[in-house]
């Protein structure tokens, strides 16, 4: 199983899928969000998903290209919002 180490935490595709069960999908009217990770057809805020998956607060890491690349390496689509 493919895994990524993120801030000392082992993250897998399954970890992300489980985390998404506890996060509300993005409101499509939200203008603050630049990117969304697509999980089971729903769009989510990448930092919120990674925070839940890793146990780290969203203030503990940066979003953007580096975070988005982790999701793509775990075979999730990241789209411009």
C-alpha atoms as a PDB file:
ATOM      1  CA  UNK A   1       0.000   0.000   0.000  1.00  0.00           C
ATOM      2  CA  UNK A   2       1.344   3.405  -1.008  1.00  0.00           C
ATOM      3  CA  UNK A   3       2.060   5.659   1.951  1.00  0.00           C
ATOM      4  CA  UNK A   4       3.416   9.162   2.360  1.00  0.00           C
ATOM      5  CA  UNK A   5       5.139  10.573   5.421  1.00  0.00           C
ATOM      6  CA  UNK A   6       3.663  13.947   6.257  1.00  0.00           C
ATOM      7  CA  UNK A   7       5.143  15.842   9.223  1.00  0.00           C
ATOM      8  CA  UNK A   8       6.181  12.523  10.750  1.00  0.00           C
ATOM      9  CA  UNK A   9       2.767  10.891  10.222  1.00  0.00           C
ATOM     10  CA  UNK A  10       2.189   7.942   7.886  1.00  0.00           C
ATOM     11  CA  UNK A  11      -0.650   8.832   5.505  1.00  0.00           C
ATOM     12  CA  UNK A  12      -2.254   6.359   3.096  1.00  0.00           C
ATOM     13  CA  UNK A  13      -5.144   6.595   0.666  1.00  0.00           C
ATOM     14  CA  UNK A  14      -7.250   4.742   3.245  1.00  0.00           C
ATOM     15  CA  UNK A  15      -6.301   7.293   5.930  1.00  0.00           C
ATOM     16  CA  UNK A  16      -7.602  10.071   3.669  1.00  0.00           C
ATOM     17  CA  UNK A  17     -10.805   8.173   2.863  1.00  0.00           C
ATOM     18  CA  UNK A  18     -11.493   7.628   6.570  1.00  0.00           C
ATOM     19  CA  UNK A  19     -10.762  11.278   7.402  1.00  0.00           C
ATOM     20  CA  UNK A  20     -13.262  12.459   4.772  1.00  0.00           C
ATOM     21  CA  UNK A  21     -16.071  10.749   6.696  1.00  0.00           C
ATOM     22  CA  UNK A  22     -15.656  13.327   9.461  1.00  0.00           C
ATOM     23  CA  UNK A  23     -15.393  16.458   7.304  1.00  0.00           C
ATOM     24  CA  UNK A  24     -18.241  18.333   5.612  1.00  0.00           C
ATOM     25  CA  UNK A  25     -17.801  18.746   1.828  1.00  0.00           C
ATOM     26  CA  UNK A  26     -17.084  22.260   0.573  1.00  0.00           C
ATOM     27  CA  UNK A  27     -19.879  24.690  -0.101  1.00  0.00           C
ATOM     28  CA  UNK A  28     -19.629  25.416  -3.818  1.00  0.00           C
ATOM     29  CA  UNK A  29     -20.220  29.132  -3.129  1.00  0.00           C
ATOM     30  CA  UNK A  30     -17.119  29.448  -0.940  1.00  0.00           C
ATOM     31  CA  UNK A  31     -14.667  31.898  -2.482  1.00  0.00           C
ATOM     32  CA  UNK A  32     -11.970  31.534   0.189  1.00  0.00           C
ATOM     33  CA  UNK A  33     -10.939  28.078  -0.967  1.00  0.00           C
ATOM     34  CA  UNK A  34      -8.576  27.971  -3.986  1.00  0.00           C
ATOM     35  CA  UNK A  35      -8.294  24.182  -4.356  1.00  0.00           C
ATOM     36  CA  UNK A  36     -10.367  21.159  -3.480  1.00  0.00           C
ATOM     37  CA  UNK A  37      -9.485  17.499  -3.190  1.00  0.00           C
ATOM     38  CA  UNK A  38     -12.105  15.231  -4.750  1.00  0.00           C
ATOM     39  CA  UNK A  39     -13.034  12.208  -2.650  1.00  0.00           C
ATOM     40  CA  UNK A  40     -15.870   9.923  -3.721  1.00  0.00           C
ATOM     41  CA  UNK A  41     -17.244  12.651  -5.995  1.00  0.00           C
ATOM     42  CA  UNK A  42     -17.320  15.328  -3.256  1.00  0.00           C
ATOM     43  CA  UNK A  43     -14.974  18.314  -2.952  1.00  0.00           C
ATOM     44  CA  UNK A  44     -13.159  18.928   0.334  1.00  0.00           C
ATOM     45  CA  UNK A  45     -10.732  21.496   1.708  1.00  0.00           C
ATOM     46  CA  UNK A  46      -7.305  19.839   1.441  1.00  0.00           C
ATOM     47  CA  UNK A  47      -5.993  21.282   4.722  1.00  0.00           C
ATOM     48  CA  UNK A  48      -9.045  20.103   6.676  1.00  0.00           C
ATOM     49  CA  UNK A  49      -8.728  16.590   5.278  1.00  0.00           C
ATOM     50  CA  UNK A  50      -4.994  16.421   5.982  1.00  0.00           C
ATOM     51  CA  UNK A  51      -5.509  17.826   9.461  1.00  0.00           C
ATOM     52  CA  UNK A  52      -8.010  15.084  10.282  1.00  0.00           C
ATOM     53  CA  UNK A  53      -5.859  12.381   8.657  1.00  0.00           C
ATOM     54  CA  UNK A  54      -2.639  13.438  10.391  1.00  0.00           C
ATOM     55  CA  UNK A  55      -3.948  14.687  13.718  1.00  0.00           C
ATOM     56  CA  UNK A  56      -2.160  18.005  13.178  1.00  0.00           C
ATOM     57  CA  UNK A  57      -3.929  21.371  13.454  1.00  0.00           C
ATOM     58  CA  UNK A  58      -4.501  23.204  10.165  1.00  0.00           C
ATOM     59  CA  UNK A  59      -2.266  25.970  11.492  1.00  0.00           C
ATOM     60  CA  UNK A  60       0.587  23.455  11.772  1.00  0.00           C
ATOM     61  CA  UNK A  61       1.275  23.185   8.027  1.00  0.00           C
ATOM     62  CA  UNK A  62       0.933  25.006   4.732  1.00  0.00           C
ATOM     63  CA  UNK A  63      -1.488  24.247   1.946  1.00  0.00           C
ATOM     64  CA  UNK A  64      -1.055  24.891  -1.739  1.00  0.00           C
ATOM     65  CA  UNK A  65       1.057  23.046  -4.259  1.00  0.00           C
ATOM     66  CA  UNK A  66       3.062  20.917  -1.789  1.00  0.00           C
ATOM     67  CA  UNK A  67      -0.011  19.669   0.041  1.00  0.00           C
ATOM     68  CA  UNK A  68      -1.924  19.138  -3.194  1.00  0.00           C
ATOM     69  CA  UNK A  69       0.911  16.987  -4.555  1.00  0.00           C
ATOM     70  CA  UNK A  70       0.502  14.608  -1.618  1.00  0.00           C
ATOM     71  CA  UNK A  71      -3.123  14.043  -2.568  1.00  0.00           C
ATOM     72  CA  UNK A  72      -2.242  13.446  -6.218  1.00  0.00           C
ATOM     73  CA  UNK A  73       0.498  10.989  -5.210  1.00  0.00           C
ATOM     74  CA  UNK A  74      -2.180   9.112  -3.260  1.00  0.00           C
ATOM     75  CA  UNK A  75      -4.275   9.085  -6.466  1.00  0.00           C
ATOM     76  CA  UNK A  76      -6.838  11.736  -5.571  1.00  0.00           C
ATOM     77  CA  UNK A  77      -7.799  14.536  -7.944  1.00  0.00           C
ATOM     78  CA  UNK A  78      -7.134  18.105  -6.850  1.00  0.00           C
ATOM     79  CA  UNK A  79      -9.081  20.750  -8.714  1.00  0.00           C
ATOM     80  CA  UNK A  80      -9.112  24.534  -8.783  1.00  0.00           C
ATOM     81  CA  UNK A  81     -12.141  25.733  -6.906  1.00  0.00           C
END
